[in-house]
Amino acid sequence: MALINCPECNREVSDRDEDCPHCGCPLKGPADIVAGRRVRTVERTAKTYKAWMLVGCLATLAGLAGSLGGGLSGKADFVLIGVLVVALGLAVSLWARLAAWWHHG
C-alpha cells in the first residue's frame, strides 16, 4: 500500500482508495486527462431534451404575452388561447426536464 497525493486537495491518500476521504475526489474509474487535470463527466444530458425545454419556455412566454395582450384589448378568445399555450408550454418543459433527468448519463 502506497500513499499518493489527491489531485484535488493534494492530501496523502492510499492508492487503494477509490475516492479521496477528505474531499471526495474520484481517484479511480473512468476519467479524462485535460490540461494535466482529471476530468470526470457527471451528467450528459442530450441536446434534444434541452431543446425541448427551450421550446416549452418559449411557448410559455408566448402564451403569457398573448394572454396579456388579449386581456388588455378585451378579446376573450386571445386570453383563452394564451392560457392553453401557457399550459402546453409548461407541460412540455416539465416533460423535457423529467426526460432529461431520467435519461441522463
C-alpha atoms as a PDB file:
ATOM      1  CA  MET A   1       0.000   0.000   0.000  1.00  0.00           C
ATOM      2  CA  ALA A   2       1.468   3.322  -1.095  1.00  0.00           C
ATOM      3  CA  LEU A   3       0.425   6.874  -0.367  1.00  0.00           C
ATOM      4  CA  ILE A   4      -0.378   9.176  -3.251  1.00  0.00           C
ATOM      5  CA  ASN A   5      -1.466  12.802  -3.384  1.00  0.00           C
ATOM      6  CA  CYS A   6      -5.078  13.610  -4.186  1.00  0.00           C
ATOM      7  CA  PRO A   7      -5.322  15.657  -7.426  1.00  0.00           C
ATOM      8  CA  GLU A   8      -7.906  18.000  -5.840  1.00  0.00           C
ATOM      9  CA  CYS A   9      -6.863  18.677  -2.232  1.00  0.00           C
ATOM     10  CA  ASN A  10      -3.241  17.444  -2.514  1.00  0.00           C
ATOM     11  CA  ARG A  11      -3.504  15.440   0.746  1.00  0.00           C
ATOM     12  CA  GLU A  12      -1.998  11.987   1.084  1.00  0.00           C
ATOM     13  CA  VAL A  13      -4.388   9.084   0.497  1.00  0.00           C
ATOM     14  CA  SER A  14      -3.994   5.364  -0.005  1.00  0.00           C
ATOM     15  CA  ASP A  15      -3.574   4.185  -3.572  1.00  0.00           C
ATOM     16  CA  ARG A  16      -6.272   1.576  -2.861  1.00  0.00           C
ATOM     17  CA  ASP A  17      -8.958   4.192  -2.145  1.00  0.00           C
ATOM     18  CA  GLU A  18     -11.465   4.826  -4.913  1.00  0.00           C
ATOM     19  CA  ASP A  19     -12.326   8.314  -3.634  1.00  0.00           C
ATOM     20  CA  CYS A  20     -10.386  10.796  -1.530  1.00  0.00           C
ATOM     21  CA  PRO A  21     -11.644  10.536   2.073  1.00  0.00           C
ATOM     22  CA  HIS A  22     -11.019  14.272   2.575  1.00  0.00           C
ATOM     23  CA  CYS A  23     -12.640  15.922  -0.459  1.00  0.00           C
ATOM     24  CA  GLY A  24     -14.402  13.032  -2.259  1.00  0.00           C
ATOM     25  CA  CYS A  25     -12.465  13.403  -5.498  1.00  0.00           C
ATOM     26  CA  PRO A  26     -12.621  10.173  -7.547  1.00  0.00           C
ATOM     27  CA  LEU A  27      -9.202   8.522  -7.720  1.00  0.00           C
ATOM     28  CA  LYS A  28     -10.146   5.532  -9.890  1.00  0.00           C
ATOM     29  CA  GLY A  29     -12.646   4.914 -12.611  1.00  0.00           C
ATOM     30  CA  PRO A  30     -13.345   6.470 -15.978  1.00  0.00           C
ATOM     31  CA  ALA A  31     -11.757   9.883 -16.236  1.00  0.00           C
ATOM     32  CA  ASP A  32     -10.176  12.007 -18.914  1.00  0.00           C
ATOM     33  CA  ILE A  33      -6.995  13.997 -18.574  1.00  0.00           C
ATOM     34  CA  VAL A  34      -7.404  17.593 -19.773  1.00  0.00           C
ATOM     35  CA  ALA A  35      -4.555  20.076 -19.315  1.00  0.00           C
ATOM     36  CA  GLY A  36      -2.953  17.791 -16.737  1.00  0.00           C
ATOM     37  CA  ARG A  37      -6.103  17.556 -14.580  1.00  0.00           C
ATOM     38  CA  ARG A  38      -8.511  14.669 -14.162  1.00  0.00           C
ATOM     39  CA  VAL A  39     -11.956  15.426 -15.548  1.00  0.00           C
ATOM     40  CA  ARG A  40     -14.945  13.204 -14.855  1.00  0.00           C
ATOM     41  CA  THR A  41     -18.267  13.662 -16.622  1.00  0.00           C
ATOM     42  CA  VAL A  42     -21.056  13.583 -14.065  1.00  0.00           C
ATOM     43  CA  GLU A  43     -24.082  14.116 -16.290  1.00  0.00           C
ATOM     44  CA  ARG A  44     -24.535  14.054 -20.034  1.00  0.00           C
ATOM     45  CA  THR A  45     -27.946  15.412 -20.914  1.00  0.00           C
ATOM     46  CA  ALA A  46     -28.835  15.154 -24.581  1.00  0.00           C
ATOM     47  CA  LYS A  47     -29.247  18.380 -26.505  1.00  0.00           C
ATOM     48  CA  THR A  48     -32.653  17.146 -27.639  1.00  0.00           C
ATOM     49  CA  TYR A  49     -34.077  17.469 -24.137  1.00  0.00           C
ATOM     50  CA  LYS A  50     -32.504  20.894 -23.712  1.00  0.00           C
ATOM     51  CA  ALA A  51     -34.075  22.000 -26.997  1.00  0.00           C
ATOM     52  CA  TRP A  52     -37.499  20.798 -25.821  1.00  0.00           C
ATOM     53  CA  MET A  53     -37.034  22.674 -22.538  1.00  0.00           C
ATOM     54  CA  LEU A  54     -36.321  25.810 -24.563  1.00  0.00           C
ATOM     55  CA  VAL A  55     -39.398  25.227 -26.749  1.00  0.00           C
ATOM     56  CA  GLY A  56     -41.546  24.826 -23.628  1.00  0.00           C
ATOM     57  CA  CYS A  57     -40.193  28.034 -22.088  1.00  0.00           C
ATOM     58  CA  LEU A  58     -40.718  29.988 -25.310  1.00  0.00           C
ATOM     59  CA  ALA A  59     -44.267  28.647 -25.642  1.00  0.00           C
ATOM     60  CA  THR A  60     -44.971  29.655 -22.054  1.00  0.00           C
ATOM     61  CA  LEU A  61     -43.696  33.185 -22.685  1.00  0.00           C
ATOM     62  CA  ALA A  62     -45.651  33.446 -25.947  1.00  0.00           C
ATOM     63  CA  GLY A  63     -48.794  32.265 -24.202  1.00  0.00           C
ATOM     64  CA  LEU A  64     -48.321  34.814 -21.433  1.00  0.00           C
ATOM     65  CA  ALA A  65     -47.828  37.588 -23.979  1.00  0.00           C
ATOM     66  CA  GLY A  66     -50.900  36.518 -25.945  1.00  0.00           C
ATOM     67  CA  SER A  67     -52.990  36.195 -22.819  1.00  0.00           C
ATOM     68  CA  LEU A  68     -51.964  39.601 -21.513  1.00  0.00           C
ATOM     69  CA  GLY A  69     -52.399  41.225 -24.922  1.00  0.00           C
ATOM     70  CA  GLY A  70     -55.835  39.707 -25.331  1.00  0.00           C
ATOM     71  CA  GLY A  71     -56.823  40.757 -21.830  1.00  0.00           C
ATOM     72  CA  LEU A  72     -55.739  44.337 -22.395  1.00  0.00           C
ATOM     73  CA  SER A  73     -57.557  44.572 -25.721  1.00  0.00           C
ATOM     74  CA  GLY A  74     -60.691  42.893 -24.362  1.00  0.00           C
ATOM     75  CA  LYS A  75     -60.549  39.839 -26.625  1.00  0.00           C
ATOM     76  CA  ALA A  76     -61.558  36.779 -24.609  1.00  0.00           C
ATOM     77  CA  ASP A  77     -60.517  34.365 -27.375  1.00  0.00           C
ATOM     78  CA  PHE A  78     -56.880  35.507 -27.156  1.00  0.00           C
ATOM     79  CA  VAL A  79     -56.932  35.093 -23.393  1.00  0.00           C
ATOM     80  CA  LEU A  80     -58.211  31.513 -23.668  1.00  0.00           C
ATOM     81  CA  ILE A  81     -55.715  30.608 -26.395  1.00  0.00           C
ATOM     82  CA  GLY A  82     -52.925  32.230 -24.369  1.00  0.00           C
ATOM     83  CA  VAL A  83     -53.816  30.220 -21.276  1.00  0.00           C
ATOM     84  CA  LEU A  84     -53.863  26.999 -23.313  1.00  0.00           C
ATOM     85  CA  VAL A  85     -50.454  27.806 -24.843  1.00  0.00           C
ATOM     86  CA  VAL A  86     -49.059  28.543 -21.347  1.00  0.00           C
ATOM     87  CA  ALA A  87     -50.369  25.191 -20.099  1.00  0.00           C
ATOM     88  CA  LEU A  88     -48.891  23.413 -23.130  1.00  0.00           C
ATOM     89  CA  GLY A  89     -45.543  25.174 -22.676  1.00  0.00           C
ATOM     90  CA  LEU A  90     -45.377  24.247 -19.014  1.00  0.00           C
ATOM     91  CA  ALA A  91     -46.279  20.632 -19.817  1.00  0.00           C
ATOM     92  CA  VAL A  92     -43.556  20.411 -22.490  1.00  0.00           C
ATOM     93  CA  SER A  93     -40.980  21.975 -20.162  1.00  0.00           C
ATOM     94  CA  LEU A  94     -41.890  19.589 -17.358  1.00  0.00           C
ATOM     95  CA  TRP A  95     -41.797  16.572 -19.688  1.00  0.00           C
ATOM     96  CA  ALA A  96     -38.385  17.576 -21.080  1.00  0.00           C
ATOM     97  CA  ARG A  97     -36.958  18.168 -17.606  1.00  0.00           C
ATOM     98  CA  LEU A  98     -38.192  14.791 -16.362  1.00  0.00           C
ATOM     99  CA  ALA A  99     -36.937  13.034 -19.508  1.00  0.00           C
ATOM    100  CA  ALA A 100     -33.519  14.656 -19.146  1.00  0.00           C
ATOM    101  CA  TRP A 101     -33.396  13.591 -15.506  1.00  0.00           C
ATOM    102  CA  TRP A 102     -34.476  10.048 -16.368  1.00  0.00           C
ATOM    103  CA  HIS A 103     -32.094   9.543 -19.295  1.00  0.00           C
ATOM    104  CA  HIS A 104     -29.035  11.469 -18.102  1.00  0.00           C
ATOM    105  CA  GLY A 105     -25.632   9.885 -18.387  1.00  0.00           C
END
